[in-house]
Amino acid sequence: MPVEQTSAQTSRVELAAGVAGALSRFRILAYVVGVGLLTLVAAMLVKYLGDQAVLVQVIGPIHGFLYAVYLILAVDLAIKARWSIKGTILVLLAGTIPFVSFYAERKVTDRVRAGGTL
């Protein structure tokens, strides 16, 4: 005999699915932005040590666009997972420091999967 779900149970299932989707999108972009930032740092080294600015001219705008998308997806996850303002700002800033986005992505994933907030 099938069990009927109440509206409260249904909204919890939808919320969990919304958070899961937002987390997946965030994880992908956190990784992409982290790799992009490391690539940009390498391009900056080439620019200043090798006097070749073309890599920064190409990689810089691509990284900037991807970081903007990262910000949108991080805010989306923050709203759905009900993070604090402080936690949200720290995650947003994580995409600006090389290697930190990888660490932040891991911590965010662990906390969201555990049902916690930031």
PDB file of N, CA and C in Angstrom:
ATOM      1  N   MET A   1       0.845  -1.169   0.000  1.00  0.00           N
ATOM      2  CA  MET A   1       0.000   0.000   0.000  1.00  0.00           C
ATOM      3  C   MET A   1       0.898   1.241   0.000  1.00  0.00           C
ATOM      4  N   PRO A   2       0.726   2.145  -0.987  1.00  0.00           N
ATOM      5  CA  PRO A   2       1.577   3.339  -1.046  1.00  0.00           C
ATOM      6  C   PRO A   2       1.267   4.302   0.097  1.00  0.00           C
ATOM      7  N   VAL A   3       2.305   4.942   0.567  1.00  0.00           N
ATOM      8  CA  VAL A   3       2.164   5.916   1.646  1.00  0.00           C
ATOM      9  C   VAL A   3       2.088   7.296   1.019  1.00  0.00           C
ATOM     10  N   GLU A   4       1.084   8.057   1.397  1.00  0.00           N
ATOM     11  CA  GLU A   4       0.942   9.413   0.875  1.00  0.00           C
ATOM     12  C   GLU A   4       1.801  10.366   1.697  1.00  0.00           C
ATOM     13  N   GLN A   5       2.412  11.309   1.018  1.00  0.00           N
ATOM     14  CA  GLN A   5       3.239  12.287   1.697  1.00  0.00           C
ATOM     15  C   GLN A   5       2.412  13.535   1.990  1.00  0.00           C
ATOM     16  N   THR A   6       2.658  14.101   3.156  1.00  0.00           N
ATOM     17  CA  THR A   6       2.013  15.367   3.473  1.00  0.00           C
ATOM     18  C   THR A   6       2.757  16.478   2.753  1.00  0.00           C
ATOM     19  N   SER A   7       2.182  17.679   2.738  1.00  0.00           N
ATOM     20  CA  SER A   7       2.843  18.792   2.061  1.00  0.00           C
ATOM     21  C   SER A   7       4.160  19.147   2.744  1.00  0.00           C
ATOM     22  N   ALA A   8       4.264  18.967   4.064  1.00  0.00           N
ATOM     23  CA  ALA A   8       5.513  19.253   4.770  1.00  0.00           C
ATOM     24  C   ALA A   8       6.603  18.274   4.340  1.00  0.00           C
ATOM     25  N   GLN A   9       6.248  16.993   4.194  1.00  0.00           N
ATOM     26  CA  GLN A   9       7.218  16.009   3.748  1.00  0.00           C
ATOM     27  C   GLN A   9       7.646  16.288   2.309  1.00  0.00           C
ATOM     28  N   THR A  10       6.704  16.664   1.471  1.00  0.00           N
ATOM     29  CA  THR A  10       7.009  16.960   0.081  1.00  0.00           C
ATOM     30  C   THR A  10       7.937  18.157  -0.017  1.00  0.00           C
ATOM     31  N   SER A  11       7.706  19.204   0.782  1.00  0.00           N
ATOM     32  CA  SER A  11       8.561  20.387   0.711  1.00  0.00           C
ATOM     33  C   SER A  11       9.973  20.060   1.184  1.00  0.00           C
ATOM     34  N   ARG A  12      10.121  19.155   2.157  1.00  0.00           N
ATOM     35  CA  ARG A  12      11.453  18.749   2.587  1.00  0.00           C
ATOM     36  C   ARG A  12      12.186  18.010   1.475  1.00  0.00           C
ATOM     37  N   VAL A  13      11.466  17.156   0.745  1.00  0.00           N
ATOM     38  CA  VAL A  13      12.070  16.432  -0.362  1.00  0.00           C
ATOM     39  C   VAL A  13      12.494  17.413  -1.444  1.00  0.00           C
ATOM     40  N   GLU A  14      11.648  18.389  -1.764  1.00  0.00           N
ATOM     41  CA  GLU A  14      11.995  19.384  -2.773  1.00  0.00           C
ATOM     42  C   GLU A  14      13.173  20.235  -2.315  1.00  0.00           C
ATOM     43  N   LEU A  15      13.193  20.617  -1.046  1.00  0.00           N
ATOM     44  CA  LEU A  15      14.302  21.416  -0.527  1.00  0.00           C
ATOM     45  C   LEU A  15      15.603  20.631  -0.628  1.00  0.00           C
ATOM     46  N   ALA A  16      15.564  19.356  -0.253  1.00  0.00           N
ATOM     47  CA  ALA A  16      16.764  18.535  -0.323  1.00  0.00           C
ATOM     48  C   ALA A  16      17.241  18.411  -1.765  1.00  0.00           C
ATOM     49  N   ALA A  17      16.316  18.248  -2.693  1.00  0.00           N
ATOM     50  CA  ALA A  17      16.697  18.149  -4.103  1.00  0.00           C
ATOM     51  C   ALA A  17      17.263  19.481  -4.593  1.00  0.00           C
ATOM     52  N   GLY A  18      16.676  20.598  -4.171  1.00  0.00           N
ATOM     53  CA  GLY A  18      17.184  21.915  -4.561  1.00  0.00           C
ATOM     54  C   GLY A  18      18.578  22.166  -4.018  1.00  0.00           C
ATOM     55  N   VAL A  19      18.813  21.779  -2.778  1.00  0.00           N
ATOM     56  CA  VAL A  19      20.138  21.950  -2.177  1.00  0.00           C
ATOM     57  C   VAL A  19      21.135  21.034  -2.865  1.00  0.00           C
ATOM     58  N   ALA A  20      20.726  19.814  -3.154  1.00  0.00           N
ATOM     59  CA  ALA A  20      21.632  18.861  -3.814  1.00  0.00           C
ATOM     60  C   ALA A  20      22.055  19.375  -5.191  1.00  0.00           C
ATOM     61  N   GLY A  21      21.115  19.897  -5.957  1.00  0.00           N
ATOM     62  CA  GLY A  21      21.440  20.437  -7.275  1.00  0.00           C
ATOM     63  C   GLY A  21      22.336  21.657  -7.173  1.00  0.00           C
ATOM     64  N   ALA A  22      22.027  22.543  -6.227  1.00  0.00           N
ATOM     65  CA  ALA A  22      22.847  23.740  -6.034  1.00  0.00           C
ATOM     66  C   ALA A  22      24.255  23.358  -5.586  1.00  0.00           C
ATOM     67  N   LEU A  23      24.356  22.338  -4.742  1.00  0.00           N
ATOM     68  CA  LEU A  23      25.673  21.885  -4.285  1.00  0.00           C
ATOM     69  C   LEU A  23      26.488  21.316  -5.445  1.00  0.00           C
ATOM     70  N   SER A  24      25.853  20.539  -6.299  1.00  0.00           N
ATOM     71  CA  SER A  24      26.561  19.969  -7.454  1.00  0.00           C
ATOM     72  C   SER A  24      27.086  21.072  -8.372  1.00  0.00           C
ATOM     73  N   ARG A  25      26.244  22.056  -8.656  1.00  0.00           N
ATOM     74  CA  ARG A  25      26.674  23.173  -9.512  1.00  0.00           C
ATOM     75  C   ARG A  25      27.813  23.949  -8.866  1.00  0.00           C
ATOM     76  N   PHE A  26      27.695  24.197  -7.568  1.00  0.00           N
ATOM     77  CA  PHE A  26      28.736  24.923  -6.838  1.00  0.00           C
ATOM     78  C   PHE A  26      30.057  24.162  -6.879  1.00  0.00           C
ATOM     79  N   ARG A  27      30.008  22.855  -6.644  1.00  0.00           N
ATOM     80  CA  ARG A  27      31.235  22.053  -6.617  1.00  0.00           C
ATOM     81  C   ARG A  27      31.968  22.110  -7.950  1.00  0.00           C
ATOM     82  N   ILE A  28      31.223  22.000  -9.030  1.00  0.00           N
ATOM     83  CA  ILE A  28      31.846  22.042 -10.359  1.00  0.00           C
ATOM     84  C   ILE A  28      32.512  23.390 -10.589  1.00  0.00           C
ATOM     85  N   LEU A  29      31.774  24.466 -10.292  1.00  0.00           N
ATOM     86  CA  LEU A  29      32.343  25.797 -10.541  1.00  0.00           C
ATOM     87  C   LEU A  29      33.481  26.124  -9.582  1.00  0.00           C
ATOM     88  N   ALA A  30      33.431  25.643  -8.350  1.00  0.00           N
ATOM     89  CA  ALA A  30      34.536  25.883  -7.416  1.00  0.00           C
ATOM     90  C   ALA A  30      35.813  25.249  -7.957  1.00  0.00           C
ATOM     91  N   TYR A  31      35.691  24.051  -8.492  1.00  0.00           N
ATOM     92  CA  TYR A  31      36.862  23.383  -9.068  1.00  0.00           C
ATOM     93  C   TYR A  31      37.358  24.126 -10.304  1.00  0.00           C
ATOM     94  N   VAL A  32      36.443  24.486 -11.194  1.00  0.00           N
ATOM     95  CA  VAL A  32      36.825  25.186 -12.428  1.00  0.00           C
ATOM     96  C   VAL A  32      37.472  26.536 -12.108  1.00  0.00           C
ATOM     97  N   VAL A  33      36.898  27.278 -11.171  1.00  0.00           N
ATOM     98  CA  VAL A  33      37.457  28.584 -10.793  1.00  0.00           C
ATOM     99  C   VAL A  33      38.822  28.408 -10.134  1.00  0.00           C
ATOM    100  N   GLY A  34      38.975  27.364  -9.317  1.00  0.00           N
ATOM    101  CA  GLY A  34      40.278  27.105  -8.696  1.00  0.00           C
ATOM    102  C   GLY A  34      41.357  26.819  -9.730  1.00  0.00           C
ATOM    103  N   VAL A  35      41.026  25.973 -10.697  1.00  0.00           N
ATOM    104  CA  VAL A  35      41.979  25.667 -11.770  1.00  0.00           C
ATOM    105  C   VAL A  35      42.241  26.920 -12.609  1.00  0.00           C
ATOM    106  N   GLY A  36      41.184  27.682 -12.891  1.00  0.00           N
ATOM    107  CA  GLY A  36      41.345  28.916 -13.667  1.00  0.00           C
ATOM    108  C   GLY A  36      42.219  29.930 -12.966  1.00  0.00           C
ATOM    109  N   LEU A  37      42.071  30.037 -11.662  1.00  0.00           N
ATOM    110  CA  LEU A  37      42.902  30.980 -10.905  1.00  0.00           C
ATOM    111  C   LEU A  37      44.364  30.552 -10.918  1.00  0.00           C
ATOM    112  N   LEU A  38      44.613  29.261 -10.775  1.00  0.00           N
ATOM    113  CA  LEU A  38      45.995  28.780 -10.846  1.00  0.00           C
ATOM    114  C   LEU A  38      46.584  29.014 -12.236  1.00  0.00           C
ATOM    115  N   THR A  39      45.762  28.838 -13.254  1.00  0.00           N
ATOM    116  CA  THR A  39      46.207  29.108 -14.624  1.00  0.00           C
ATOM    117  C   THR A  39      46.509  30.590 -14.803  1.00  0.00           C
ATOM    118  N   LEU A  40      45.673  31.437 -14.223  1.00  0.00           N
ATOM    119  CA  LEU A  40      45.906  32.881 -14.308  1.00  0.00           C
ATOM    120  C   LEU A  40      47.192  33.274 -13.588  1.00  0.00           C
ATOM    121  N   VAL A  41      47.462  32.674 -12.451  1.00  0.00           N
ATOM    122  CA  VAL A  41      48.714  32.961 -11.729  1.00  0.00           C
ATOM    123  C   VAL A  41      49.912  32.552 -12.582  1.00  0.00           C
ATOM    124  N   ALA A  42      49.815  31.386 -13.226  1.00  0.00           N
ATOM    125  CA  ALA A  42      50.906  30.954 -14.108  1.00  0.00           C
ATOM    126  C   ALA A  42      51.075  31.931 -15.277  1.00  0.00           C
ATOM    127  N   ALA A  43      49.957  32.391 -15.824  1.00  0.00           N
ATOM    128  CA  ALA A  43      50.020  33.355 -16.931  1.00  0.00           C
ATOM    129  C   ALA A  43      50.643  34.671 -16.469  1.00  0.00           C
ATOM    130  N   MET A  44      50.345  35.067 -15.228  1.00  0.00           N
ATOM    131  CA  MET A  44      50.942  36.297 -14.701  1.00  0.00           C
ATOM    132  C   MET A  44      52.453  36.140 -14.523  1.00  0.00           C
ATOM    133  N   LEU A  45      52.884  34.962 -14.114  1.00  0.00           N
ATOM    134  CA  LEU A  45      54.327  34.715 -14.009  1.00  0.00           C
ATOM    135  C   LEU A  45      55.000  34.827 -15.373  1.00  0.00           C
ATOM    136  N   VAL A  46      54.342  34.270 -16.386  1.00  0.00           N
ATOM    137  CA  VAL A  46      54.875  34.367 -17.749  1.00  0.00           C
ATOM    138  C   VAL A  46      54.914  35.827 -18.189  1.00  0.00           C
ATOM    139  N   LYS A  47      53.884  36.572 -17.822  1.00  0.00           N
ATOM    140  CA  LYS A  47      53.839  37.987 -18.211  1.00  0.00           C
ATOM    141  C   LYS A  47      54.989  38.775 -17.585  1.00  0.00           C
ATOM    142  N   TYR A  48      55.186  38.602 -16.284  1.00  0.00           N
ATOM    143  CA  TYR A  48      56.177  39.431 -15.610  1.00  0.00           C
ATOM    144  C   TYR A  48      57.599  38.882 -15.692  1.00  0.00           C
ATOM    145  N   LEU A  49      57.743  37.582 -15.838  1.00  0.00           N
ATOM    146  CA  LEU A  49      59.089  37.015 -15.942  1.00  0.00           C
ATOM    147  C   LEU A  49      59.532  36.849 -17.396  1.00  0.00           C
ATOM    148  N   GLY A  50      58.559  36.642 -18.294  1.00  0.00           N
ATOM    149  CA  GLY A  50      58.900  36.410 -19.680  1.00  0.00           C
ATOM    150  C   GLY A  50      58.476  37.508 -20.615  1.00  0.00           C
ATOM    151  N   ASP A  51      57.883  38.547 -20.062  1.00  0.00           N
ATOM    152  CA  ASP A  51      57.448  39.707 -20.851  1.00  0.00           C
ATOM    153  C   ASP A  51      56.483  39.298 -21.978  1.00  0.00           C
ATOM    154  N   GLN A  52      55.557  38.380 -21.659  1.00  0.00           N
ATOM    155  CA  GLN A  52      54.542  37.918 -22.605  1.00  0.00           C
ATOM    156  C   GLN A  52      53.167  38.118 -21.980  1.00  0.00           C
ATOM    157  N   ALA A  53      52.457  39.138 -22.393  1.00  0.00           N
ATOM    158  CA  ALA A  53      51.184  39.496 -21.776  1.00  0.00           C
ATOM    159  C   ALA A  53      49.976  38.810 -22.407  1.00  0.00           C
ATOM    160  N   VAL A  54      50.162  38.114 -23.503  1.00  0.00           N
ATOM    161  CA  VAL A  54      49.016  37.585 -24.244  1.00  0.00           C
ATOM    162  C   VAL A  54      48.222  36.553 -23.432  1.00  0.00           C
ATOM    163  N   LEU A  55      48.897  35.735 -22.637  1.00  0.00           N
ATOM    164  CA  LEU A  55      48.173  34.733 -21.843  1.00  0.00           C
ATOM    165  C   LEU A  55      47.234  35.383 -20.829  1.00  0.00           C
ATOM    166  N   VAL A  56      47.702  36.422 -20.169  1.00  0.00           N
ATOM    167  CA  VAL A  56      46.859  37.132 -19.197  1.00  0.00           C
ATOM    168  C   VAL A  56      45.681  37.791 -19.908  1.00  0.00           C
ATOM    169  N   GLN A  57      45.915  38.305 -21.099  1.00  0.00           N
ATOM    170  CA  GLN A  57      44.838  38.944 -21.853  1.00  0.00           C
ATOM    171  C   GLN A  57      43.755  37.948 -22.251  1.00  0.00           C
ATOM    172  N   VAL A  58      44.113  36.700 -22.416  1.00  0.00           N
ATOM    173  CA  VAL A  58      43.135  35.668 -22.778  1.00  0.00           C
ATOM    174  C   VAL A  58      42.510  35.043 -21.527  1.00  0.00           C
ATOM    175  N   ILE A  59      43.346  34.629 -20.595  1.00  0.00           N
ATOM    176  CA  ILE A  59      42.880  33.889 -19.421  1.00  0.00           C
ATOM    177  C   ILE A  59      42.168  34.796 -18.419  1.00  0.00           C
ATOM    178  N   GLY A  60      42.617  36.038 -18.288  1.00  0.00           N
ATOM    179  CA  GLY A  60      42.021  36.966 -17.312  1.00  0.00           C
ATOM    180  C   GLY A  60      40.521  37.145 -17.471  1.00  0.00           C
ATOM    181  N   PRO A  61      40.036  37.510 -18.649  1.00  0.00           N
ATOM    182  CA  PRO A  61      38.588  37.686 -18.818  1.00  0.00           C
ATOM    183  C   PRO A  61      37.793  36.387 -18.660  1.00  0.00           C
ATOM    184  N   ILE A  62      38.389  35.269 -19.080  1.00  0.00           N
ATOM    185  CA  ILE A  62      37.697  33.984 -18.917  1.00  0.00           C
ATOM    186  C   ILE A  62      37.544  33.675 -17.437  1.00  0.00           C
ATOM    187  N   HIS A  63      38.615  33.853 -16.681  1.00  0.00           N
ATOM    188  CA  HIS A  63      38.545  33.620 -15.237  1.00  0.00           C
ATOM    189  C   HIS A  63      37.553  34.588 -14.582  1.00  0.00           C
ATOM    190  N   GLY A  64      37.560  35.840 -15.009  1.00  0.00           N
ATOM    191  CA  GLY A  64      36.625  36.815 -14.447  1.00  0.00           C
ATOM    192  C   GLY A  64      35.180  36.421 -14.672  1.00  0.00           C
ATOM    193  N   PHE A  65      34.866  35.963 -15.870  1.00  0.00           N
ATOM    194  CA  PHE A  65      33.502  35.509 -16.164  1.00  0.00           C
ATOM    195  C   PHE A  65      33.139  34.292 -15.312  1.00  0.00           C
ATOM    196  N   LEU A  66      34.049  33.319 -15.239  1.00  0.00           N
ATOM    197  CA  LEU A  66      33.771  32.116 -14.451  1.00  0.00           C
ATOM    198  C   LEU A  66      33.636  32.437 -12.968  1.00  0.00           C
ATOM    199  N   TYR A  67      34.422  33.398 -12.475  1.00  0.00           N
ATOM    200  CA  TYR A  67      34.306  33.797 -11.073  1.00  0.00           C
ATOM    201  C   TYR A  67      32.946  34.447 -10.806  1.00  0.00           C
ATOM    202  N   ALA A  68      32.454  35.229 -11.755  1.00  0.00           N
ATOM    203  CA  ALA A  68      31.127  35.829 -11.609  1.00  0.00           C
ATOM    204  C   ALA A  68      30.047  34.747 -11.539  1.00  0.00           C
ATOM    205  N   VAL A  69      30.173  33.720 -12.356  1.00  0.00           N
ATOM    206  CA  VAL A  69      29.221  32.600 -12.311  1.00  0.00           C
ATOM    207  C   VAL A  69      29.356  31.865 -10.974  1.00  0.00           C
ATOM    208  N   TYR A  70      30.588  31.674 -10.499  1.00  0.00           N
ATOM    209  CA  TYR A  70      30.845  31.058  -9.199  1.00  0.00           C
ATOM    210  C   TYR A  70      30.129  31.832  -8.087  1.00  0.00           C
ATOM    211  N   LEU A  71      30.208  33.160  -8.138  1.00  0.00           N
ATOM    212  CA  LEU A  71      29.546  33.983  -7.125  1.00  0.00           C
ATOM    213  C   LEU A  71      28.037  33.748  -7.125  1.00  0.00           C
ATOM    214  N   ILE A  72      27.458  33.697  -8.306  1.00  0.00           N
ATOM    215  CA  ILE A  72      26.004  33.480  -8.421  1.00  0.00           C
ATOM    216  C   ILE A  72      25.627  32.115  -7.870  1.00  0.00           C
ATOM    217  N   LEU A  73      26.388  31.097  -8.230  1.00  0.00           N
ATOM    218  CA  LEU A  73      26.066  29.744  -7.771  1.00  0.00           C
ATOM    219  C   LEU A  73      26.312  29.584  -6.273  1.00  0.00           C
ATOM    220  N   ALA A  74      27.323  30.253  -5.745  1.00  0.00           N
ATOM    221  CA  ALA A  74      27.581  30.195  -4.306  1.00  0.00           C
ATOM    222  C   ALA A  74      26.462  30.877  -3.527  1.00  0.00           C
ATOM    223  N   VAL A  75      25.977  32.005  -4.024  1.00  0.00           N
ATOM    224  CA  VAL A  75      24.852  32.685  -3.363  1.00  0.00           C
ATOM    225  C   VAL A  75      23.585  31.834  -3.457  1.00  0.00           C
ATOM    226  N   ASP A  76      23.371  31.196  -4.600  1.00  0.00           N
ATOM    227  CA  ASP A  76      22.231  30.299  -4.758  1.00  0.00           C
ATOM    228  C   ASP A  76      22.280  29.182  -3.720  1.00  0.00           C
ATOM    229  N   LEU A  77      23.432  28.565  -3.563  1.00  0.00           N
ATOM    230  CA  LEU A  77      23.580  27.505  -2.554  1.00  0.00           C
ATOM    231  C   LEU A  77      23.417  28.069  -1.147  1.00  0.00           C
ATOM    232  N   ALA A  78      23.970  29.247  -0.905  1.00  0.00           N
ATOM    233  CA  ALA A  78      23.861  29.867   0.422  1.00  0.00           C
ATOM    234  C   ALA A  78      22.404  30.106   0.804  1.00  0.00           C
ATOM    235  N   ILE A  79      21.612  30.559  -0.141  1.00  0.00           N
ATOM    236  CA  ILE A  79      20.192  30.804   0.130  1.00  0.00           C
ATOM    237  C   ILE A  79      19.471  29.489   0.389  1.00  0.00           C
ATOM    238  N   LYS A  80      19.717  28.503  -0.450  1.00  0.00           N
ATOM    239  CA  LYS A  80      19.019  27.219  -0.308  1.00  0.00           C
ATOM    240  C   LYS A  80      19.444  26.453   0.937  1.00  0.00           C
ATOM    241  N   ALA A  81      20.715  26.574   1.314  1.00  0.00           N
ATOM    242  CA  ALA A  81      21.218  25.868   2.493  1.00  0.00           C
ATOM    243  C   ALA A  81      21.137  26.726   3.758  1.00  0.00           C
ATOM    244  N   ARG A  82      20.673  27.956   3.605  1.00  0.00           N
ATOM    245  CA  ARG A  82      20.474  28.887   4.733  1.00  0.00           C
ATOM    246  C   ARG A  82      21.757  29.168   5.509  1.00  0.00           C
ATOM    247  N   TRP A  83      22.780  29.602   4.770  1.00  0.00           N
ATOM    248  CA  TRP A  83      24.036  29.957   5.392  1.00  0.00           C
ATOM    249  C   TRP A  83      23.927  31.325   6.054  1.00  0.00           C
ATOM    250  N   SER A  84      24.865  31.590   6.962  1.00  0.00           N
ATOM    251  CA  SER A  84      24.969  32.918   7.555  1.00  0.00           C
ATOM    252  C   SER A  84      25.628  33.861   6.543  1.00  0.00           C
ATOM    253  N   ILE A  85      25.502  35.146   6.796  1.00  0.00           N
ATOM    254  CA  ILE A  85      26.149  36.141   5.932  1.00  0.00           C
ATOM    255  C   ILE A  85      27.670  35.959   5.973  1.00  0.00           C
ATOM    256  N   LYS A  86      28.212  35.752   7.161  1.00  0.00           N
ATOM    257  CA  LYS A  86      29.656  35.582   7.314  1.00  0.00           C
ATOM    258  C   LYS A  86      30.144  34.364   6.535  1.00  0.00           C
ATOM    259  N   GLY A  87      29.460  33.243   6.680  1.00  0.00           N
ATOM    260  CA  GLY A  87      29.847  32.029   5.953  1.00  0.00           C
ATOM    261  C   GLY A  87      29.768  32.221   4.455  1.00  0.00           C
ATOM    262  N   THR A  88      28.722  32.913   4.009  1.00  0.00           N
ATOM    263  CA  THR A  88      28.558  33.177   2.579  1.00  0.00           C
ATOM    264  C   THR A  88      29.705  34.033   2.051  1.00  0.00           C
ATOM    265  N   ILE A  89      30.043  35.090   2.762  1.00  0.00           N
ATOM    266  CA  ILE A  89      31.127  35.983   2.322  1.00  0.00           C
ATOM    267  C   ILE A  89      32.461  35.244   2.283  1.00  0.00           C
ATOM    268  N   LEU A  90      32.714  34.396   3.263  1.00  0.00           N
ATOM    269  CA  LEU A  90      33.968  33.642   3.271  1.00  0.00           C
ATOM    270  C   LEU A  90      34.060  32.701   2.070  1.00  0.00           C
ATOM    271  N   VAL A  91      32.958  32.056   1.731  1.00  0.00           N
ATOM    272  CA  VAL A  91      32.950  31.164   0.568  1.00  0.00           C
ATOM    273  C   VAL A  91      33.124  31.975  -0.716  1.00  0.00           C
ATOM    274  N   LEU A  92      32.491  33.139  -0.792  1.00  0.00           N
ATOM    275  CA  LEU A  92      32.645  33.984  -1.971  1.00  0.00           C
ATOM    276  C   LEU A  92      34.100  34.422  -2.149  1.00  0.00           C
ATOM    277  N   LEU A  93      34.766  34.740  -1.067  1.00  0.00           N
ATOM    278  CA  LEU A  93      36.162  35.173  -1.130  1.00  0.00           C
ATOM    279  C   LEU A  93      37.124  34.023  -1.415  1.00  0.00           C
ATOM    280  N   ALA A  94      36.674  32.797  -1.176  1.00  0.00           N
ATOM    281  CA  ALA A  94      37.543  31.636  -1.379  1.00  0.00           C
ATOM    282  C   ALA A  94      38.005  31.504  -2.827  1.00  0.00           C
ATOM    283  N   GLY A  95      37.235  32.039  -3.755  1.00  0.00           N
ATOM    284  CA  GLY A  95      37.613  31.962  -5.159  1.00  0.00           C
ATOM    285  C   GLY A  95      38.667  32.972  -5.575  1.00  0.00           C
ATOM    286  N   THR A  96      39.155  33.767  -4.638  1.00  0.00           N
ATOM    287  CA  THR A  96      40.139  34.798  -4.979  1.00  0.00           C
ATOM    288  C   THR A  96      41.560  34.440  -4.561  1.00  0.00           C
ATOM    289  N   ILE A  97      41.724  33.381  -3.791  1.00  0.00           N
ATOM    290  CA  ILE A  97      43.041  33.002  -3.289  1.00  0.00           C
ATOM    291  C   ILE A  97      43.395  31.622  -3.848  1.00  0.00           C
ATOM    292  N   PRO A  98      44.546  31.500  -4.517  1.00  0.00           N
ATOM    293  CA  PRO A  98      44.912  30.208  -5.091  1.00  0.00           C
ATOM    294  C   PRO A  98      44.863  29.071  -4.062  1.00  0.00           C
ATOM    295  N   PHE A  99      44.318  27.952  -4.456  1.00  0.00           N
ATOM    296  CA  PHE A  99      44.162  26.713  -3.694  1.00  0.00           C
ATOM    297  C   PHE A  99      43.041  26.760  -2.660  1.00  0.00           C
ATOM    298  N   VAL A 100      42.602  27.937  -2.226  1.00  0.00           N
ATOM    299  CA  VAL A 100      41.594  28.020  -1.176  1.00  0.00           C
ATOM    300  C   VAL A 100      40.226  27.551  -1.671  1.00  0.00           C
ATOM    301  N   SER A 101      39.922  27.746  -2.949  1.00  0.00           N
ATOM    302  CA  SER A 101      38.623  27.299  -3.449  1.00  0.00           C
ATOM    303  C   SER A 101      38.485  25.778  -3.341  1.00  0.00           C
ATOM    304  N   PHE A 102      39.583  25.049  -3.479  1.00  0.00           N
ATOM    305  CA  PHE A 102      39.527  23.594  -3.343  1.00  0.00           C
ATOM    306  C   PHE A 102      39.212  23.196  -1.895  1.00  0.00           C
ATOM    307  N   TYR A 103      39.860  23.875  -0.959  1.00  0.00           N
ATOM    308  CA  TYR A 103      39.621  23.616   0.464  1.00  0.00           C
ATOM    309  C   TYR A 103      38.197  23.996   0.842  1.00  0.00           C
ATOM    310  N   ALA A 104      37.761  25.165   0.398  1.00  0.00           N
ATOM    311  CA  ALA A 104      36.410  25.638   0.722  1.00  0.00           C
ATOM    312  C   ALA A 104      35.355  24.710   0.132  1.00  0.00           C
ATOM    313  N   GLU A 105      35.575  24.248  -1.084  1.00  0.00           N
ATOM    314  CA  GLU A 105      34.609  23.339  -1.713  1.00  0.00           C
ATOM    315  C   GLU A 105      34.460  22.075  -0.881  1.00  0.00           C
ATOM    316  N   ARG A 106      35.542  21.538  -0.394  1.00  0.00           N
ATOM    317  CA  ARG A 106      35.499  20.315   0.420  1.00  0.00           C
ATOM    318  C   ARG A 106      34.752  20.562   1.720  1.00  0.00           C
ATOM    319  N   LYS A 107      35.051  21.667   2.394  1.00  0.00           N
ATOM    320  CA  LYS A 107      34.386  21.986   3.664  1.00  0.00           C
ATOM    321  C   LYS A 107      32.893  22.244   3.456  1.00  0.00           C
ATOM    322  N   VAL A 108      32.564  22.998   2.415  1.00  0.00           N
ATOM    323  CA  VAL A 108      31.161  23.291   2.117  1.00  0.00           C
ATOM    324  C   VAL A 108      30.413  21.994   1.831  1.00  0.00           C
ATOM    325  N   THR A 109      30.992  21.137   1.017  1.00  0.00           N
ATOM    326  CA  THR A 109      30.344  19.874   0.672  1.00  0.00           C
ATOM    327  C   THR A 109      30.089  19.036   1.920  1.00  0.00           C
ATOM    328  N   ASP A 110      31.094  18.918   2.784  1.00  0.00           N
ATOM    329  CA  ASP A 110      30.935  18.134   4.010  1.00  0.00           C
ATOM    330  C   ASP A 110      29.832  18.694   4.897  1.00  0.00           C
ATOM    331  N   ARG A 111      29.816  20.014   5.071  1.00  0.00           N
ATOM    332  CA  ARG A 111      28.812  20.618   5.951  1.00  0.00           C
ATOM    333  C   ARG A 111      27.404  20.537   5.380  1.00  0.00           C
ATOM    334  N   VAL A 112      27.268  20.793   4.085  1.00  0.00           N
ATOM    335  CA  VAL A 112      25.937  20.753   3.485  1.00  0.00           C
ATOM    336  C   VAL A 112      25.392  19.335   3.502  1.00  0.00           C
ATOM    337  N   ARG A 113      26.229  18.358   3.207  1.00  0.00           N
ATOM    338  CA  ARG A 113      25.774  16.964   3.229  1.00  0.00           C
ATOM    339  C   ARG A 113      25.402  16.515   4.639  1.00  0.00           C
ATOM    340  N   ALA A 114      26.068  17.089   5.648  1.00  0.00           N
ATOM    341  CA  ALA A 114      25.743  16.763   7.024  1.00  0.00           C
ATOM    342  C   ALA A 114      24.515  17.511   7.528  1.00  0.00           C
ATOM    343  N   GLY A 115      23.993  18.407   6.700  1.00  0.00           N
ATOM    344  CA  GLY A 115      22.816  19.172   7.093  1.00  0.00           C
ATOM    345  C   GLY A 115      23.139  20.421   7.894  1.00  0.00           C
ATOM    346  N   GLY A 116      24.404  20.756   7.976  1.00  0.00           N
ATOM    347  CA  GLY A 116      24.813  21.932   8.740  1.00  0.00           C
ATOM    348  C   GLY A 116      24.785  23.186   7.889  1.00  0.00           C
ATOM    349  N   THR A 117      25.072  24.294   8.532  1.00  0.00           N
ATOM    350  CA  THR A 117      25.145  25.574   7.832  1.00  0.00           C
ATOM    351  C   THR A 117      26.526  26.166   8.024  1.00  0.00           C
ATOM    352  N   LEU A 118      26.779  27.224   7.301  1.00  0.00           N
ATOM    353  CA  LEU A 118      28.071  27.927   7.424  1.00  0.00           C
ATOM    354  C   LEU A 118      27.879  29.206   8.192  1.00  0.00           C
TER     355      LEU A 118
END
